[in-house]
Amino acid sequence: MMLISELAKRSGLPIDTIRFYEKKGLIDSELINRKSNNYRDYSEASLERLVLIQRAKRLGFTLTEIQDWIKDFENDQLTVDQKRDILSRKLGQIDERIEEMKQMRQYLLTKIEHLGEWDGVLTERGPTKQGLMPS
């Protein structure tokens, strides 16, 4: 058992984040022992839970998504097919995001290119109304 300061140190998470996860129900009360002085003693299972949450977040899962399946995942209640489905859906979302980012990148490159043209026009004509738009 460990106090929240030790749990924070071992997990690499700020104390406020741990408390937030606790309020959201990501760290169950059965993983925490309340002392008479109202201090909380966290179990090794609490640390393992935090590590799992961090890994899931790095994979792009939201806290809501993690909350939906974390207990079943830890207790091995999910079949291989269910785990594969969860991961495949996330992979699809990541692929969609990559495509959106590629489109945004191309848009920005086009804007940068146009700014270069605009800068040349301003230099040639000076800052007049005619010089504000590329030819």
Protein backbone atom coordinates (compact mmCIF):
# COMPACT_ATOMS: atom_id res chain seq x y z
CA MET A 1 0.00 0.00 0.00
CA MET A 2 1.16 3.53 -0.70
CA LEU A 3 0.05 7.11 -0.21
CA ILE A 4 -0.94 9.23 -3.19
CA SER A 5 2.45 10.99 -3.24
CA GLU A 6 4.24 7.66 -3.73
CA LEU A 7 1.67 6.56 -6.30
CA ALA A 8 2.25 9.81 -8.19
CA LYS A 9 6.00 9.34 -8.07
CA ARG A 10 5.85 5.72 -9.25
CA SER A 11 3.28 6.36 -11.97
CA GLY A 12 4.79 9.62 -13.18
CA LEU A 13 1.40 11.31 -12.94
CA PRO A 14 0.55 14.47 -11.01
CA ILE A 15 -1.47 14.00 -7.84
CA ASP A 16 -4.30 16.09 -9.33
CA THR A 17 -4.53 13.70 -12.29
CA ILE A 18 -4.78 10.70 -9.99
CA ARG A 19 -7.53 12.40 -7.99
CA PHE A 20 -9.32 13.29 -11.24
CA TYR A 21 -9.18 9.67 -12.41
CA GLU A 22 -10.50 8.60 -9.03
CA LYS A 23 -13.45 11.02 -9.29
CA LYS A 24 -14.17 9.77 -12.83
CA GLY A 25 -14.30 6.20 -11.51
CA LEU A 26 -11.20 5.06 -13.38
CA ILE A 27 -9.61 4.02 -10.09
CA ASP A 28 -12.18 1.99 -8.19
CA SER A 29 -12.71 2.35 -4.47
CA GLU A 30 -11.86 -1.34 -4.02
CA LEU A 31 -8.31 -0.46 -5.12
CA ILE A 32 -8.07 2.14 -2.33
CA ASN A 33 -8.04 1.64 1.42
CA ARG A 34 -9.24 4.64 3.47
CA LYS A 35 -7.42 5.19 6.73
CA SER A 36 -8.99 6.62 9.87
CA ASN A 37 -7.21 9.95 9.27
CA ASN A 38 -8.96 10.10 5.85
CA TYR A 39 -5.69 9.38 4.01
CA ARG A 40 -5.94 6.93 1.17
CA ASP A 41 -3.73 3.89 0.79
CA TYR A 42 -3.40 2.81 -2.83
CA SER A 43 -2.67 -0.76 -3.80
CA GLU A 44 -0.25 -2.06 -6.43
CA ALA A 45 -3.39 -2.71 -8.49
CA SER A 46 -3.99 1.06 -8.46
CA LEU A 47 -0.55 1.58 -9.96
CA GLU A 48 -1.19 -1.11 -12.57
CA ARG A 49 -4.49 0.57 -13.43
CA LEU A 50 -2.75 3.93 -13.92
CA VAL A 51 -0.14 2.32 -16.17
CA LEU A 52 -2.92 0.75 -18.26
CA ILE A 53 -4.74 4.10 -18.51
CA GLN A 54 -1.54 5.82 -19.64
CA ARG A 55 -0.91 3.17 -22.31
CA ALA A 56 -4.47 3.43 -23.58
CA LYS A 57 -4.23 7.22 -23.74
CA ARG A 58 -0.98 6.98 -25.72
CA LEU A 59 -2.83 4.74 -28.17
CA GLY A 60 -5.39 7.50 -28.62
CA PHE A 61 -8.23 6.24 -26.45
CA THR A 62 -10.30 8.87 -24.67
CA LEU A 63 -10.99 8.61 -20.95
CA THR A 64 -14.62 7.79 -21.74
CA GLU A 65 -13.54 4.92 -24.00
CA ILE A 66 -11.12 3.67 -21.37
CA GLN A 67 -13.82 3.86 -18.71
CA ASP A 68 -16.12 1.74 -20.89
CA TRP A 69 -13.81 -1.28 -21.12
CA ILE A 70 -11.00 -1.05 -18.55
CA LYS A 71 -12.51 -3.32 -15.89
CA ASP A 72 -13.43 -6.01 -18.39
CA PHE A 73 -9.99 -5.74 -19.97
CA GLU A 74 -8.19 -6.11 -16.63
CA ASN A 75 -10.38 -8.99 -15.46
CA ASP A 76 -9.91 -10.78 -18.77
CA GLN A 77 -13.67 -10.58 -19.41
CA LEU A 78 -13.15 -9.62 -23.06
CA THR A 79 -12.66 -12.25 -25.70
CA VAL A 80 -9.83 -11.95 -28.19
CA ASP A 81 -12.41 -10.94 -30.82
CA GLN A 82 -13.78 -8.18 -28.56
CA LYS A 83 -10.28 -6.87 -27.87
CA ARG A 84 -9.49 -7.01 -31.59
CA ASP A 85 -12.71 -5.10 -32.34
CA ILE A 86 -11.88 -2.35 -29.83
CA LEU A 87 -8.37 -1.97 -31.23
CA SER A 88 -9.54 -2.15 -34.86
CA ARG A 89 -12.11 0.60 -34.31
CA LYS A 90 -9.43 2.79 -32.76
CA LEU A 91 -7.12 2.06 -35.68
CA GLY A 92 -9.87 3.14 -38.08
CA GLN A 93 -10.30 6.39 -36.15
CA ILE A 94 -6.55 7.00 -36.27
CA ASP A 95 -6.52 6.38 -40.03
CA GLU A 96 -9.35 8.91 -40.46
CA ARG A 97 -7.45 11.44 -38.37
CA ILE A 98 -4.29 10.87 -40.43
CA GLU A 99 -6.27 11.55 -43.61
CA GLU A 100 -7.71 14.75 -42.10
CA MET A 101 -4.22 15.85 -41.08
CA LYS A 102 -2.89 15.19 -44.60
CA GLN A 103 -5.65 17.36 -46.04
CA MET A 104 -4.94 20.11 -43.51
CA ARG A 105 -1.23 19.88 -44.32
CA GLN A 106 -1.91 20.30 -48.02
CA TYR A 107 -4.21 23.25 -47.31
CA LEU A 108 -1.51 24.95 -45.23
CA LEU A 109 1.16 24.31 -47.87
CA THR A 110 -1.10 25.93 -50.47
CA LYS A 111 -1.67 28.94 -48.22
CA ILE A 112 2.07 29.31 -47.59
CA GLU A 113 2.70 29.15 -51.33
CA HIS A 114 0.09 31.85 -51.96
CA LEU A 115 1.60 34.03 -49.24
CA GLY A 116 4.93 33.82 -51.04
CA GLU A 117 3.26 35.00 -54.25
CA TRP A 118 1.47 37.77 -52.34
CA ASP A 119 4.73 38.93 -50.75
CA GLY A 120 6.30 39.23 -54.21
CA VAL A 121 3.38 41.34 -55.46
CA LEU A 122 3.58 43.67 -52.44
CA THR A 123 7.30 44.12 -52.97
CA GLU A 124 6.83 44.96 -56.66
CA ARG A 125 3.80 47.25 -56.36
CA GLY A 126 3.99 48.51 -52.81
CA PRO A 127 1.16 48.28 -50.27
CA THR A 128 -1.61 49.58 -52.51
CA LYS A 129 -5.02 48.10 -53.18
CA GLN A 130 -3.70 46.62 -56.42
CA GLY A 131 -0.85 44.95 -54.53
CA LEU A 132 -3.03 43.14 -51.98
CA MET A 133 -3.97 40.21 -54.20
CA PRO A 134 -1.65 38.02 -56.26
CA SER A 135 -2.01 38.35 -60.02
